[in-house]
């Protein structure tokens, strides 16, 4: 990976007061240890506040101005909740990554107090790993999945129903067949 460094224009508060930067240009204010965003018209640009200047001790329960609909609607205030239990979760609020992690950590693994979830997870993991090892270690088996995919894709160009039929047979009929005759 190449070693790249970026250096922004920098200056004191006094130097910034007489400087009008290009639209979208960011400069460093060395007096106030903050950044300024320029719009090609405001002398000195717009000074960005530091967290300590905003009167916040931590980023928790803030509101941001944003467009939550994804359309060209007018932006509205969106709450950011810092709630580890997700008790205040809603469709109009955002959760912090710390809240999401804490919620997943507290509810993952063994939700019912039994080890059945972990047994199922490890069974699937070991089944997939053993399948990979078997197919990879036997050279004659390596090309079977690739050849099947090529054949199905060539046929699917003219027969649009074929992929759905294949999925139905492999994931519905074959398991039912194995269950029925495996008794």
Foldseek 3Di string as FASTA:
>chain_A
DDDDDDDAAEDAQVVQQADADDQQHKYAHPNVRFIFGHHRPHRSHHTDDDPVVVVDPDPAFDWDFDDPVPDPDGTDTATEHAALCCPVPDPRHHYDPVSVVSNCVVCPQCNPPDNVVVVVVVVVVVVVVVVVCVQVVDVVNVCVVVVVVVVQVVVCVPVVCSVVVVCCCVVPVVVVVCVVVVD
